[in-house]
């Protein structure tokens, strides 16, 4: 069966994707494999890519850049994928953290946390480009004291709009997913 396998840095990204993918790409089978942070993911990627025997799988590696240079991190991951024989793996980097994707959609945060004041509070100039915030998770914790990484990921994923988001890294992720999902052949017995 054709499917997408996400190799992600932590459980919050897996929680986000488990909901978001079912809403945005309901006909695409997928699996999320969370890791215990960046070091664990970087160590695991080459082993998983080499060992995976199932045909017709597309891999997507998603990692936070955590204030590292995106180009260096992406180059490192592309090299690892190439050495594992998987040049077709999609590498996506959340700048700086996954939580920047949420801050890029104030309406989703407002709906997820039942706080209609959030969009106005996020209109300040410093929030206009959430990928430039050094610690988006800390910004969210101050704005929404009840915010927790995994439950917050599930809550926001229900509302985040794939078309309207001020996080460039989120929009790049969406464009990459559109590209690889377009490459997947239709599923057998799928309605036209």
C-alpha atoms as a PDB file:
ATOM      1  CA  UNK A   1       0.000   0.000   0.000  1.00  0.00           C
ATOM      2  CA  UNK A   2       1.220   3.522  -0.718  1.00  0.00           C
ATOM      3  CA  UNK A   3       1.692   5.656   2.365  1.00  0.00           C
ATOM      4  CA  UNK A   4       3.655   8.392   4.021  1.00  0.00           C
ATOM      5  CA  UNK A   5       5.908   7.701   6.996  1.00  0.00           C
ATOM      6  CA  UNK A   6       6.761  10.702   9.147  1.00  0.00           C
ATOM      7  CA  UNK A   7       9.959  10.564  11.175  1.00  0.00           C
ATOM      8  CA  UNK A   8       9.561  13.349  13.727  1.00  0.00           C
ATOM      9  CA  UNK A   9      11.539  14.771  16.601  1.00  0.00           C
ATOM     10  CA  UNK A  10       8.951  14.485  19.358  1.00  0.00           C
ATOM     11  CA  UNK A  11       5.486  13.324  20.370  1.00  0.00           C
ATOM     12  CA  UNK A  12       3.883  16.750  19.930  1.00  0.00           C
ATOM     13  CA  UNK A  13       4.602  16.742  16.174  1.00  0.00           C
ATOM     14  CA  UNK A  14       3.194  13.213  15.897  1.00  0.00           C
ATOM     15  CA  UNK A  15       0.079  14.315  17.821  1.00  0.00           C
ATOM     16  CA  UNK A  16      -0.341  17.306  15.496  1.00  0.00           C
ATOM     17  CA  UNK A  17       0.081  15.214  12.330  1.00  0.00           C
ATOM     18  CA  UNK A  18      -2.247  12.437  13.532  1.00  0.00           C
ATOM     19  CA  UNK A  19      -5.136  14.906  13.470  1.00  0.00           C
ATOM     20  CA  UNK A  20      -4.059  17.365  10.766  1.00  0.00           C
ATOM     21  CA  UNK A  21      -3.308  14.703   8.136  1.00  0.00           C
ATOM     22  CA  UNK A  22      -6.701  13.015   8.619  1.00  0.00           C
ATOM     23  CA  UNK A  23      -8.429  16.347   8.042  1.00  0.00           C
ATOM     24  CA  UNK A  24      -6.323  17.681   5.162  1.00  0.00           C
ATOM     25  CA  UNK A  25      -5.354  14.440   3.380  1.00  0.00           C
ATOM     26  CA  UNK A  26      -8.074  11.993   4.488  1.00  0.00           C
ATOM     27  CA  UNK A  27      -7.320   9.456   1.745  1.00  0.00           C
ATOM     28  CA  UNK A  28      -3.581   9.258   2.408  1.00  0.00           C
ATOM     29  CA  UNK A  29      -2.457   6.447   4.700  1.00  0.00           C
ATOM     30  CA  UNK A  30       0.340   7.552   7.004  1.00  0.00           C
ATOM     31  CA  UNK A  31       2.305   6.602  10.066  1.00  0.00           C
ATOM     32  CA  UNK A  32       4.107   8.874  12.542  1.00  0.00           C
ATOM     33  CA  UNK A  33       7.228   7.703  14.319  1.00  0.00           C
ATOM     34  CA  UNK A  34       8.164  10.117  17.113  1.00  0.00           C
ATOM     35  CA  UNK A  35      11.635  10.227  18.628  1.00  0.00           C
ATOM     36  CA  UNK A  36      13.085  11.416  21.913  1.00  0.00           C
ATOM     37  CA  UNK A  37      14.456  14.698  20.594  1.00  0.00           C
ATOM     38  CA  UNK A  38      16.746  15.879  17.825  1.00  0.00           C
ATOM     39  CA  UNK A  39      19.750  13.653  18.659  1.00  0.00           C
ATOM     40  CA  UNK A  40      17.582  10.520  18.715  1.00  0.00           C
ATOM     41  CA  UNK A  41      15.954  11.457  15.392  1.00  0.00           C
ATOM     42  CA  UNK A  42      19.269  12.203  13.681  1.00  0.00           C
ATOM     43  CA  UNK A  43      20.677   8.872  14.868  1.00  0.00           C
ATOM     44  CA  UNK A  44      17.534   6.946  13.905  1.00  0.00           C
ATOM     45  CA  UNK A  45      16.875   8.306  10.392  1.00  0.00           C
ATOM     46  CA  UNK A  46      19.651   6.433   8.538  1.00  0.00           C
ATOM     47  CA  UNK A  47      18.839   3.139  10.276  1.00  0.00           C
ATOM     48  CA  UNK A  48      15.123   3.379   9.544  1.00  0.00           C
ATOM     49  CA  UNK A  49      15.594   4.430   5.935  1.00  0.00           C
ATOM     50  CA  UNK A  50      18.022   1.575   5.240  1.00  0.00           C
ATOM     51  CA  UNK A  51      16.017  -1.074   7.085  1.00  0.00           C
ATOM     52  CA  UNK A  52      12.515  -0.215   5.795  1.00  0.00           C
ATOM     53  CA  UNK A  53      11.466  -2.977   3.412  1.00  0.00           C
ATOM     54  CA  UNK A  54       7.927  -1.952   2.594  1.00  0.00           C
ATOM     55  CA  UNK A  55       7.739  -0.726  -1.023  1.00  0.00           C
ATOM     56  CA  UNK A  56       5.946   2.465  -2.063  1.00  0.00           C
ATOM     57  CA  UNK A  57       6.602   4.383   1.131  1.00  0.00           C
ATOM     58  CA  UNK A  58       7.403   8.082   1.051  1.00  0.00           C
ATOM     59  CA  UNK A  59       9.398   9.377   4.013  1.00  0.00           C
ATOM     60  CA  UNK A  60       8.994  12.833   5.516  1.00  0.00           C
ATOM     61  CA  UNK A  61      11.512  13.933   8.134  1.00  0.00           C
ATOM     62  CA  UNK A  62      10.396  16.898  10.245  1.00  0.00           C
ATOM     63  CA  UNK A  63      12.709  18.532  12.738  1.00  0.00           C
ATOM     64  CA  UNK A  64      12.809  21.809  14.688  1.00  0.00           C
ATOM     65  CA  UNK A  65      15.811  23.941  13.872  1.00  0.00           C
ATOM     66  CA  UNK A  66      15.998  25.376  17.410  1.00  0.00           C
ATOM     67  CA  UNK A  67      17.973  28.450  16.279  1.00  0.00           C
ATOM     68  CA  UNK A  68      20.420  26.439  14.164  1.00  0.00           C
ATOM     69  CA  UNK A  69      21.068  27.422  10.579  1.00  0.00           C
ATOM     70  CA  UNK A  70      18.326  25.799   8.498  1.00  0.00           C
ATOM     71  CA  UNK A  71      20.610  25.272   5.512  1.00  0.00           C
ATOM     72  CA  UNK A  72      23.166  23.323   7.558  1.00  0.00           C
ATOM     73  CA  UNK A  73      20.534  21.139   9.200  1.00  0.00           C
ATOM     74  CA  UNK A  74      18.780  20.409   5.899  1.00  0.00           C
ATOM     75  CA  UNK A  75      22.106  19.649   4.177  1.00  0.00           C
ATOM     76  CA  UNK A  76      22.991  17.227   6.974  1.00  0.00           C
ATOM     77  CA  UNK A  77      19.637  15.437   6.694  1.00  0.00           C
ATOM     78  CA  UNK A  78      19.769  15.321   2.884  1.00  0.00           C
ATOM     79  CA  UNK A  79      23.225  13.723   3.112  1.00  0.00           C
ATOM     80  CA  UNK A  80      21.963  11.138   5.615  1.00  0.00           C
ATOM     81  CA  UNK A  81      18.979  10.296   3.397  1.00  0.00           C
ATOM     82  CA  UNK A  82      21.190  10.043   0.322  1.00  0.00           C
ATOM     83  CA  UNK A  83      23.618   7.696   2.097  1.00  0.00           C
ATOM     84  CA  UNK A  84      20.648   5.543   3.124  1.00  0.00           C
ATOM     85  CA  UNK A  85      19.502   5.339  -0.504  1.00  0.00           C
ATOM     86  CA  UNK A  86      16.417   7.536  -0.023  1.00  0.00           C
ATOM     87  CA  UNK A  87      16.948  10.679  -2.081  1.00  0.00           C
ATOM     88  CA  UNK A  88      13.163  10.934  -2.351  1.00  0.00           C
ATOM     89  CA  UNK A  89      12.717  11.659   1.376  1.00  0.00           C
ATOM     90  CA  UNK A  90      11.147  15.044   2.073  1.00  0.00           C
ATOM     91  CA  UNK A  91      12.983  17.101   4.688  1.00  0.00           C
ATOM     92  CA  UNK A  92      11.047  19.849   6.445  1.00  0.00           C
ATOM     93  CA  UNK A  93      12.289  22.118   9.207  1.00  0.00           C
ATOM     94  CA  UNK A  94       9.975  23.855  11.661  1.00  0.00           C
ATOM     95  CA  UNK A  95      11.510  27.276  12.360  1.00  0.00           C
ATOM     96  CA  UNK A  96      12.278  27.564  15.272  1.00  0.00           C
ATOM     97  CA  UNK A  97       9.864  25.086  16.809  1.00  0.00           C
ATOM     98  CA  UNK A  98       6.562  23.456  15.909  1.00  0.00           C
ATOM     99  CA  UNK A  99       4.786  26.046  18.053  1.00  0.00           C
ATOM    100  CA  UNK A 100       5.644  28.757  15.480  1.00  0.00           C
ATOM    101  CA  UNK A 101       3.196  26.993  13.160  1.00  0.00           C
ATOM    102  CA  UNK A 102       0.448  27.548  15.756  1.00  0.00           C
ATOM    103  CA  UNK A 103       1.373  31.207  16.260  1.00  0.00           C
ATOM    104  CA  UNK A 104       1.073  31.609  12.493  1.00  0.00           C
ATOM    105  CA  UNK A 105      -2.626  30.825  12.815  1.00  0.00           C
ATOM    106  CA  UNK A 106      -4.054  33.012  15.607  1.00  0.00           C
ATOM    107  CA  UNK A 107      -7.607  32.013  14.696  1.00  0.00           C
ATOM    108  CA  UNK A 108      -6.731  28.337  15.234  1.00  0.00           C
ATOM    109  CA  UNK A 109      -5.270  29.143  18.653  1.00  0.00           C
ATOM    110  CA  UNK A 110      -8.359  31.184  19.553  1.00  0.00           C
ATOM    111  CA  UNK A 111     -10.666  28.315  18.567  1.00  0.00           C
ATOM    112  CA  UNK A 112      -8.539  25.610  20.199  1.00  0.00           C
ATOM    113  CA  UNK A 113      -8.275  27.432  23.529  1.00  0.00           C
ATOM    114  CA  UNK A 114     -11.636  29.248  23.481  1.00  0.00           C
ATOM    115  CA  UNK A 115      -9.927  32.639  23.763  1.00  0.00           C
ATOM    116  CA  UNK A 116     -11.272  35.168  21.267  1.00  0.00           C
ATOM    117  CA  UNK A 117      -8.689  37.743  22.420  1.00  0.00           C
ATOM    118  CA  UNK A 118      -5.732  35.789  20.997  1.00  0.00           C
ATOM    119  CA  UNK A 119      -5.915  37.078  17.389  1.00  0.00           C
ATOM    120  CA  UNK A 120      -5.768  40.696  18.567  1.00  0.00           C
ATOM    121  CA  UNK A 121      -2.972  39.946  21.032  1.00  0.00           C
ATOM    122  CA  UNK A 122      -0.984  38.302  18.232  1.00  0.00           C
ATOM    123  CA  UNK A 123      -1.277  41.365  15.956  1.00  0.00           C
ATOM    124  CA  UNK A 124       1.810  42.927  17.551  1.00  0.00           C
ATOM    125  CA  UNK A 125       4.727  43.346  15.105  1.00  0.00           C
ATOM    126  CA  UNK A 126       6.926  40.810  16.905  1.00  0.00           C
ATOM    127  CA  UNK A 127       4.377  38.039  16.193  1.00  0.00           C
ATOM    128  CA  UNK A 128       3.927  38.766  12.471  1.00  0.00           C
ATOM    129  CA  UNK A 129       6.698  36.363  11.498  1.00  0.00           C
ATOM    130  CA  UNK A 130       6.476  33.541  14.044  1.00  0.00           C
ATOM    131  CA  UNK A 131       9.424  31.689  12.495  1.00  0.00           C
ATOM    132  CA  UNK A 132      11.695  34.477  13.747  1.00  0.00           C
ATOM    133  CA  UNK A 133      10.739  33.993  17.397  1.00  0.00           C
ATOM    134  CA  UNK A 134      13.577  32.217  19.186  1.00  0.00           C
ATOM    135  CA  UNK A 135      11.311  30.241  21.551  1.00  0.00           C
ATOM    136  CA  UNK A 136       7.725  30.024  20.231  1.00  0.00           C
ATOM    137  CA  UNK A 137       6.856  27.454  22.914  1.00  0.00           C
ATOM    138  CA  UNK A 138       7.685  29.997  25.639  1.00  0.00           C
ATOM    139  CA  UNK A 139       5.580  32.648  23.889  1.00  0.00           C
ATOM    140  CA  UNK A 140       2.641  30.230  23.844  1.00  0.00           C
ATOM    141  CA  UNK A 141       3.136  29.367  27.509  1.00  0.00           C
ATOM    142  CA  UNK A 142       2.903  33.074  28.395  1.00  0.00           C
ATOM    143  CA  UNK A 143      -0.139  33.698  26.169  1.00  0.00           C
ATOM    144  CA  UNK A 144      -1.939  30.487  27.136  1.00  0.00           C
ATOM    145  CA  UNK A 145      -0.882  29.312  30.617  1.00  0.00           C
ATOM    146  CA  UNK A 146      -2.791  26.029  30.160  1.00  0.00           C
ATOM    147  CA  UNK A 147      -0.808  25.175  27.004  1.00  0.00           C
ATOM    148  CA  UNK A 148       0.895  21.766  27.042  1.00  0.00           C
ATOM    149  CA  UNK A 149       2.913  20.498  24.076  1.00  0.00           C
ATOM    150  CA  UNK A 150       1.048  17.267  23.222  1.00  0.00           C
ATOM    151  CA  UNK A 151      -2.498  18.248  24.192  1.00  0.00           C
ATOM    152  CA  UNK A 152      -1.932  21.672  22.606  1.00  0.00           C
ATOM    153  CA  UNK A 153      -0.802  20.015  19.373  1.00  0.00           C
ATOM    154  CA  UNK A 154      -4.004  17.968  19.269  1.00  0.00           C
ATOM    155  CA  UNK A 155      -6.185  20.986  20.040  1.00  0.00           C
ATOM    156  CA  UNK A 156      -4.634  23.312  17.441  1.00  0.00           C
ATOM    157  CA  UNK A 157      -4.435  20.653  14.697  1.00  0.00           C
ATOM    158  CA  UNK A 158      -8.224  20.546  14.547  1.00  0.00           C
ATOM    159  CA  UNK A 159      -8.392  24.207  13.511  1.00  0.00           C
ATOM    160  CA  UNK A 160      -5.180  25.123  11.706  1.00  0.00           C
ATOM    161  CA  UNK A 161      -5.818  26.263   8.147  1.00  0.00           C
ATOM    162  CA  UNK A 162      -3.519  24.927   5.447  1.00  0.00           C
ATOM    163  CA  UNK A 163      -4.121  28.028   3.307  1.00  0.00           C
ATOM    164  CA  UNK A 164      -3.723  30.833   5.836  1.00  0.00           C
ATOM    165  CA  UNK A 165      -0.687  30.816   8.074  1.00  0.00           C
ATOM    166  CA  UNK A 166       2.035  33.416   8.606  1.00  0.00           C
ATOM    167  CA  UNK A 167       4.651  30.741   9.354  1.00  0.00           C
ATOM    168  CA  UNK A 168       6.675  30.323   6.174  1.00  0.00           C
ATOM    169  CA  UNK A 169       8.007  26.977   7.439  1.00  0.00           C
ATOM    170  CA  UNK A 170       4.440  25.685   7.851  1.00  0.00           C
ATOM    171  CA  UNK A 171       3.510  26.818   4.336  1.00  0.00           C
ATOM    172  CA  UNK A 172       6.675  25.135   2.985  1.00  0.00           C
ATOM    173  CA  UNK A 173       5.648  21.932   4.782  1.00  0.00           C
ATOM    174  CA  UNK A 174       2.160  22.117   3.211  1.00  0.00           C
ATOM    175  CA  UNK A 175       3.632  22.671  -0.270  1.00  0.00           C
ATOM    176  CA  UNK A 176       5.939  19.673   0.204  1.00  0.00           C
ATOM    177  CA  UNK A 177       3.045  17.490   1.316  1.00  0.00           C
ATOM    178  CA  UNK A 178       0.972  18.579  -1.678  1.00  0.00           C
ATOM    179  CA  UNK A 179       3.878  17.603  -3.923  1.00  0.00           C
ATOM    180  CA  UNK A 180       4.488  14.148  -2.486  1.00  0.00           C
ATOM    181  CA  UNK A 181       0.800  13.323  -2.068  1.00  0.00           C
ATOM    182  CA  UNK A 182       0.340  14.256  -5.721  1.00  0.00           C
ATOM    183  CA  UNK A 183       3.049  11.704  -6.566  1.00  0.00           C
ATOM    184  CA  UNK A 184       1.319   8.888  -4.735  1.00  0.00           C
ATOM    185  CA  UNK A 185      -0.817   6.766  -7.031  1.00  0.00           C
ATOM    186  CA  UNK A 186      -4.509   6.455  -6.113  1.00  0.00           C
ATOM    187  CA  UNK A 187      -5.385   3.851  -3.533  1.00  0.00           C
ATOM    188  CA  UNK A 188      -7.101   0.714  -4.788  1.00  0.00           C
ATOM    189  CA  UNK A 189     -10.881   0.927  -4.487  1.00  0.00           C
ATOM    190  CA  UNK A 190     -10.710   4.652  -3.653  1.00  0.00           C
ATOM    191  CA  UNK A 191     -13.719   6.613  -4.904  1.00  0.00           C
ATOM    192  CA  UNK A 192     -12.976   8.913  -7.854  1.00  0.00           C
END
